[in-house]
Amino acid sequence: MAPPKPRRPSPRLLRSAQDGDATRYVDLAKLYLDGEGVDRDVTQALAWLRKGVAGGDPDAMVELGNIYFDGADGVKIDRRAAMKLYAQAARLGDPNGMYNLGVAYEGGEGLPENPRLALAWYLKAAAAGSARGYYSAGEAYLDGDGAPVDTPKGVALLRKAIEMGSPDAMNEMGRLHSEGTGVRLDPAEALKFYRAAAANDLAAGMANLGVAHHNGEGVPVNYTEAMRWFQMAADRGYLEAWYDLGVMCERGQGIKADDDLALRMYRKAAESKDADLRQKAQKAINRLQGVDDDDEVPVV
């Protein structure tokens, strides 16, 4: 059987880039990175991004920085190199470069934690038109990261992010209404924001809708609907939802009680990078396997 033909970019796109159209460098690099319609080729992606960086394109700087920040096939994580590229883009007024500098200053992978600088860059990104900047700055003021807690300011920044279409801000505003933090306690209003976040394909919003239907917050208790939302969130990689599904399978809520199925759900949750989620999932696994004296069934 003949080997499959290599998949290449469209001749028009490739020719435009080769003729020096800098606006096509990042488009071409993303195709090679994602393998969408072409054979995945990180080396080619890097070459086009570096060409864009050399030409002063801030989008190329940010995309190349992202590769160094997260790593890729054959490319080791180098977050200091990523920061240099983000800073280069930020100096050119690019809001994504500014926002990513904020993320970098939150620390990790050899980078020092500097909440004050993180907040400063989030605010710069917001001023440059970034919804993510408004959201992250709002979170910082709500949590007291980089500045004293200022709930009214945090809420105001979240509202601005929502106006710009941020599903994360919608989800957070739902949480605030569910707790009555900085806004009125209103489960129905919380539900409205969770639905808006879920409609924008945010897994965390879907999971919160699952919690609302499970606990009867703003809607009648409906375990079938809760499972549906938890499953949608889990399918999008939100591992906390696998834990919630495990609880429902163990209790027999919306489904016949099934410890084996619950174990499968808990094991998926235990793959999380979040230490707290791993710990509670492992505790549930141990209990079902009879190696833990704690017989208490967890709650959603």
Protein backbone atom coordinates (compact mmCIF):
# COMPACT_ATOMS: atom_id res chain seq x y z
CA MET A 1 0.00 0.00 0.00
CA ALA A 2 1.37 3.39 -0.97
CA PRO A 3 2.27 5.76 1.90
CA PRO A 4 -0.18 8.64 2.45
CA LYS A 5 0.62 11.81 0.59
CA PRO A 6 2.04 14.59 2.76
CA ARG A 7 -0.50 17.24 3.65
CA ARG A 8 0.76 20.71 2.86
CA PRO A 9 -0.60 24.25 3.37
CA SER A 10 -2.63 25.75 0.57
CA PRO A 11 -0.36 26.99 -2.23
CA ARG A 12 -1.90 30.45 -1.92
CA LEU A 13 -1.11 30.77 1.80
CA LEU A 14 2.38 29.38 1.39
CA ARG A 15 3.11 31.64 -1.59
CA SER A 16 1.89 34.73 0.29
CA ALA A 17 4.22 33.96 3.20
CA GLN A 18 7.14 33.15 0.95
CA ASP A 19 6.59 36.44 -0.88
CA GLY A 20 7.02 38.31 2.41
CA ASP A 21 3.43 38.82 3.58
CA ALA A 22 4.18 38.99 7.32
CA THR A 23 0.48 38.77 8.20
CA ARG A 24 0.54 35.14 7.02
CA TYR A 25 3.53 33.97 9.07
CA VAL A 26 1.54 33.30 12.24
CA ASP A 27 -1.34 31.73 10.29
CA LEU A 28 1.08 29.34 8.66
CA ALA A 29 2.85 28.58 11.94
CA LYS A 30 -0.45 27.76 13.68
CA LEU A 31 -1.36 25.33 10.92
CA TYR A 32 1.94 23.51 11.42
CA LEU A 33 1.54 23.55 15.21
CA ASP A 34 -2.04 22.28 15.24
CA GLY A 35 -1.75 19.91 12.32
CA GLU A 36 -4.97 21.27 10.86
CA GLY A 37 -5.08 20.22 7.24
CA VAL A 38 -1.29 19.81 7.15
CA ASP A 39 1.25 17.43 8.62
CA ARG A 40 2.22 18.72 12.07
CA ASP A 41 5.70 20.23 11.90
CA VAL A 42 6.98 22.16 14.92
CA THR A 43 10.26 22.94 13.15
CA GLN A 44 8.43 24.70 10.31
CA ALA A 45 6.21 26.52 12.81
CA LEU A 46 9.25 27.81 14.70
CA ALA A 47 10.91 28.94 11.50
CA TRP A 48 7.90 31.04 10.44
CA LEU A 49 7.41 32.50 13.91
CA ARG A 50 11.07 33.50 14.14
CA LYS A 51 10.76 35.13 10.76
CA GLY A 52 7.79 37.09 12.08
CA VAL A 53 9.67 38.09 15.25
CA ALA A 54 12.58 39.31 13.16
CA GLY A 55 10.11 41.40 11.19
CA GLY A 56 8.69 42.99 14.34
CA ASP A 57 5.31 41.20 14.38
CA PRO A 58 3.91 41.15 17.97
CA ASP A 59 1.57 38.23 17.21
CA ALA A 60 4.59 36.14 16.24
CA MET A 61 6.37 37.20 19.43
CA VAL A 62 3.45 36.07 21.56
CA GLU A 63 2.97 32.77 19.70
CA LEU A 64 6.68 31.93 19.89
CA GLY A 65 6.64 32.92 23.56
CA ASN A 66 3.74 30.52 24.13
CA ILE A 67 5.75 27.66 22.67
CA TYR A 68 8.62 28.38 25.04
CA PHE A 69 6.23 28.89 27.96
CA ASP A 70 4.45 25.54 27.57
CA GLY A 71 6.98 23.54 25.58
CA ALA A 72 6.34 21.53 22.42
CA ASP A 73 7.74 18.56 20.53
CA GLY A 74 11.50 19.03 20.61
CA VAL A 75 11.20 22.40 22.39
CA LYS A 76 11.96 22.51 26.10
CA ILE A 77 10.09 24.83 28.41
CA ASP A 78 12.01 28.10 28.73
CA ARG A 79 9.81 30.60 30.50
CA ARG A 80 12.46 33.28 30.74
CA ALA A 81 12.79 33.22 26.96
CA ALA A 82 9.00 33.39 26.78
CA MET A 83 8.95 36.45 29.05
CA LYS A 84 11.45 38.26 26.83
CA LEU A 85 9.23 37.69 23.83
CA TYR A 86 6.10 38.77 25.71
CA ALA A 87 7.89 41.92 26.88
CA GLN A 88 8.97 42.65 23.33
CA ALA A 89 5.35 42.39 22.17
CA ALA A 90 4.13 44.45 25.14
CA ARG A 91 6.52 47.28 24.25
CA LEU A 92 4.77 47.39 20.88
CA GLY A 93 1.41 47.81 22.64
CA ASP A 94 0.19 44.24 22.22
CA PRO A 95 -2.42 43.35 24.91
CA ASN A 96 -1.72 39.62 24.66
CA GLY A 97 1.94 40.19 25.40
CA MET A 98 0.95 42.31 28.41
CA TYR A 99 -1.51 39.72 29.66
CA ASN A 100 0.96 36.86 29.29
CA LEU A 101 3.54 38.81 31.26
CA GLY A 102 0.96 38.98 34.03
CA VAL A 103 0.57 35.21 33.91
CA ALA A 104 4.34 34.77 33.98
CA TYR A 105 4.69 36.95 37.06
CA GLU A 106 2.32 34.64 38.92
CA GLY A 107 5.37 32.40 39.14
CA GLY A 108 6.19 28.71 38.66
CA GLU A 109 8.62 26.74 36.48
CA GLY A 110 11.61 28.68 37.74
CA LEU A 111 9.97 32.09 37.56
CA PRO A 112 9.72 34.21 40.71
CA GLU A 113 6.25 35.01 42.00
CA ASN A 114 5.46 38.72 41.93
CA PRO A 115 1.73 39.38 42.41
CA ARG A 116 2.20 43.16 42.28
CA LEU A 117 3.78 43.02 38.83
CA ALA A 118 1.24 40.43 37.69
CA LEU A 119 -1.59 42.79 38.59
CA ALA A 120 0.18 45.75 36.98
CA TRP A 121 0.45 43.87 33.68
CA TYR A 122 -3.15 42.66 33.86
CA LEU A 123 -4.25 46.26 34.26
CA LYS A 124 -2.08 47.34 31.32
CA ALA A 125 -3.60 44.56 29.21
CA ALA A 126 -7.10 45.65 30.24
CA ALA A 127 -6.36 49.26 29.30
CA ALA A 128 -5.15 47.98 25.93
CA GLY A 129 -8.48 46.20 25.35
CA SER A 130 -8.00 42.71 26.78
CA ALA A 131 -11.06 41.05 28.33
CA ARG A 132 -8.73 38.54 29.98
CA GLY A 133 -6.83 41.45 31.49
CA TYR A 134 -10.01 42.85 33.05
CA TYR A 135 -10.97 39.41 34.37
CA SER A 136 -7.59 38.60 35.92
CA ALA A 137 -7.24 42.08 37.41
CA GLY A 138 -10.73 41.71 38.89
CA GLU A 139 -9.78 38.36 40.42
CA ALA A 140 -6.63 39.89 41.89
CA TYR A 141 -8.59 42.63 43.66
CA LEU A 142 -11.16 40.12 44.91
CA ASP A 143 -8.44 37.84 46.32
CA GLY A 144 -5.99 40.51 47.47
CA ASP A 145 -3.22 39.38 45.12
CA GLY A 146 -0.80 42.20 44.38
CA ALA A 147 -2.99 44.77 46.13
CA PRO A 148 -5.26 44.95 49.21
CA VAL A 149 -8.64 43.30 48.81
CA ASP A 150 -11.00 45.70 47.03
CA THR A 151 -14.24 43.85 46.33
CA PRO A 152 -16.12 46.73 44.65
CA LYS A 153 -13.20 47.33 42.29
CA GLY A 154 -12.92 43.62 41.57
CA VAL A 155 -16.62 43.39 40.75
CA ALA A 156 -16.43 46.47 38.51
CA LEU A 157 -13.54 44.95 36.55
CA LEU A 158 -15.41 41.67 36.19
CA ARG A 159 -18.44 43.53 34.83
CA LYS A 160 -16.22 45.17 32.23
CA ALA A 161 -14.82 41.77 31.26
CA ILE A 162 -18.38 40.42 30.94
CA GLU A 163 -19.30 43.31 28.64
CA MET A 164 -16.38 42.21 26.47
CA GLY A 165 -17.61 38.61 26.39
CA SER A 166 -15.37 36.88 28.96
CA PRO A 167 -16.94 33.52 29.94
CA ASP A 168 -14.54 33.26 32.90
CA ALA A 169 -15.86 36.56 34.25
CA MET A 170 -19.45 35.38 33.70
CA ASN A 171 -18.72 32.23 35.70
CA GLU A 172 -17.03 34.20 38.48
CA MET A 173 -19.93 36.62 38.70
CA GLY A 174 -22.19 33.61 39.11
CA ARG A 175 -20.08 32.46 42.05
CA LEU A 176 -20.23 35.89 43.65
CA HIS A 177 -24.04 35.91 43.40
CA SER A 178 -24.20 32.38 44.82
CA GLU A 179 -22.20 33.55 47.86
CA GLY A 180 -23.41 37.14 48.12
CA THR A 181 -19.86 38.45 47.84
CA GLY A 182 -19.79 42.05 46.63
CA VAL A 183 -23.19 41.59 44.99
CA ARG A 184 -26.59 40.51 46.27
CA LEU A 185 -27.08 36.88 47.24
CA ASP A 186 -29.23 35.61 44.37
CA PRO A 187 -29.13 31.95 43.22
CA ALA A 188 -31.28 32.75 40.19
CA GLU A 189 -28.87 35.47 39.09
CA ALA A 190 -25.95 33.10 39.69
CA LEU A 191 -27.65 30.56 37.46
CA LYS A 192 -28.04 33.15 34.72
CA PHE A 193 -24.31 33.85 34.71
CA TYR A 194 -23.39 30.14 34.84
CA ARG A 195 -25.63 29.55 31.82
CA ALA A 196 -23.96 32.40 29.95
CA ALA A 197 -20.53 30.94 30.71
CA ALA A 198 -21.64 27.46 29.62
CA ALA A 199 -23.13 28.88 26.42
CA ASN A 200 -19.64 30.18 25.70
CA ASP A 201 -18.29 26.62 26.12
CA LEU A 202 -16.64 27.19 29.52
CA ALA A 203 -16.37 23.85 31.30
CA ALA A 204 -16.31 25.45 34.74
CA GLY A 205 -19.64 27.12 34.00
CA MET A 206 -21.09 23.75 32.99
CA ALA A 207 -19.84 22.19 36.21
CA ASN A 208 -21.41 24.97 38.27
CA LEU A 209 -24.70 24.36 36.50
CA GLY A 210 -24.31 20.74 37.55
CA VAL A 211 -23.84 21.80 41.17
CA ALA A 212 -26.87 24.10 40.99
CA HIS A 213 -29.14 21.34 39.68
CA HIS A 214 -27.69 18.81 42.14
CA ASN A 215 -28.20 21.03 45.18
CA GLY A 216 -31.32 22.88 44.04
CA GLU A 217 -29.72 26.32 43.92
CA GLY A 218 -32.00 28.58 41.89
CA VAL A 219 -33.70 25.55 40.31
CA PRO A 220 -35.44 22.41 41.64
CA VAL A 221 -33.15 19.47 42.41
CA ASN A 222 -32.70 17.49 39.21
CA TYR A 223 -30.04 14.77 39.32
CA THR A 224 -30.43 13.84 35.66
CA GLU A 225 -29.77 17.42 34.61
CA ALA A 226 -26.88 17.65 37.09
CA MET A 227 -25.23 14.56 35.59
CA ARG A 228 -25.68 15.94 32.10
CA TRP A 229 -23.84 19.15 32.96
CA PHE A 230 -21.13 17.37 34.93
CA GLN A 231 -20.55 15.03 32.00
CA MET A 232 -20.30 17.93 29.56
CA ALA A 233 -17.74 19.62 31.81
CA ALA A 234 -15.77 16.39 32.29
CA ASP A 235 -15.67 15.74 28.55
CA ARG A 236 -14.00 19.15 28.16
CA GLY A 237 -11.24 18.25 30.59
CA TYR A 238 -12.68 19.71 33.81
CA LEU A 239 -11.52 16.97 36.19
CA GLU A 240 -13.47 18.23 39.22
CA ALA A 241 -16.59 17.16 37.33
CA TRP A 242 -15.35 13.55 37.18
CA TYR A 243 -15.24 13.62 40.98
CA ASP A 244 -18.79 14.96 41.14
CA LEU A 245 -19.93 12.22 38.77
CA GLY A 246 -18.21 9.69 41.02
CA VAL A 247 -20.17 10.96 44.01
CA MET A 248 -23.45 10.63 42.12
CA CYS A 249 -22.60 7.13 40.89
CA GLU A 250 -21.67 6.07 44.40
CA ARG A 251 -24.84 7.53 45.92
CA GLY A 252 -27.15 6.39 43.14
CA GLN A 253 -28.28 9.88 42.23
CA GLY A 254 -29.66 10.07 38.70
CA ILE A 255 -28.29 6.59 38.07
CA LYS A 256 -28.35 3.20 39.76
CA ALA A 257 -25.68 3.08 42.49
CA ASP A 258 -22.53 1.54 41.00
CA ASP A 259 -19.28 1.52 43.00
CA ASP A 260 -17.25 0.22 40.05
CA LEU A 261 -18.42 3.10 37.87
CA ALA A 262 -17.79 5.52 40.73
CA LEU A 263 -14.22 4.22 41.01
CA ARG A 264 -13.66 4.93 37.32
CA MET A 265 -14.88 8.49 37.78
CA TYR A 266 -12.74 9.07 40.87
CA ARG A 267 -9.64 7.71 39.11
CA LYS A 268 -10.12 10.21 36.32
CA ALA A 269 -10.36 13.00 38.89
CA ALA A 270 -7.21 11.72 40.59
CA GLU A 271 -5.25 12.54 37.41
CA SER A 272 -5.64 16.25 38.19
CA LYS A 273 -2.63 18.48 38.76
CA ASP A 274 -4.56 20.10 41.61
CA ALA A 275 -3.30 18.57 44.86
CA ASP A 276 -6.57 19.08 46.75
CA LEU A 277 -8.62 17.37 44.06
CA ARG A 278 -6.13 14.49 43.80
CA GLN A 279 -6.26 14.02 47.56
CA LYS A 280 -10.04 13.88 47.89
CA ALA A 281 -10.35 11.66 44.82
CA GLN A 282 -7.76 9.25 46.21
CA LYS A 283 -9.56 9.25 49.55
CA ALA A 284 -12.76 8.22 47.78
CA ILE A 285 -10.88 5.51 45.86
CA ASN A 286 -9.34 4.17 49.05
CA ARG A 287 -12.70 4.10 50.80
CA LEU A 288 -14.37 2.15 48.00
CA GLN A 289 -11.45 -0.28 47.90
CA GLY A 290 -11.71 -0.85 51.66
CA VAL A 291 -8.33 0.60 52.57
CA ASP A 292 -9.66 3.69 54.39
CA ASP A 293 -11.54 3.72 57.68
CA ASP A 294 -13.55 6.77 56.60
CA ASP A 295 -16.98 5.53 55.51
CA GLU A 296 -18.39 8.99 54.90
CA VAL A 297 -19.62 9.50 51.33
CA PRO A 298 -18.32 12.81 49.92
CA VAL A 299 -20.55 15.66 48.85
CA VAL A 300 -20.77 17.57 45.58
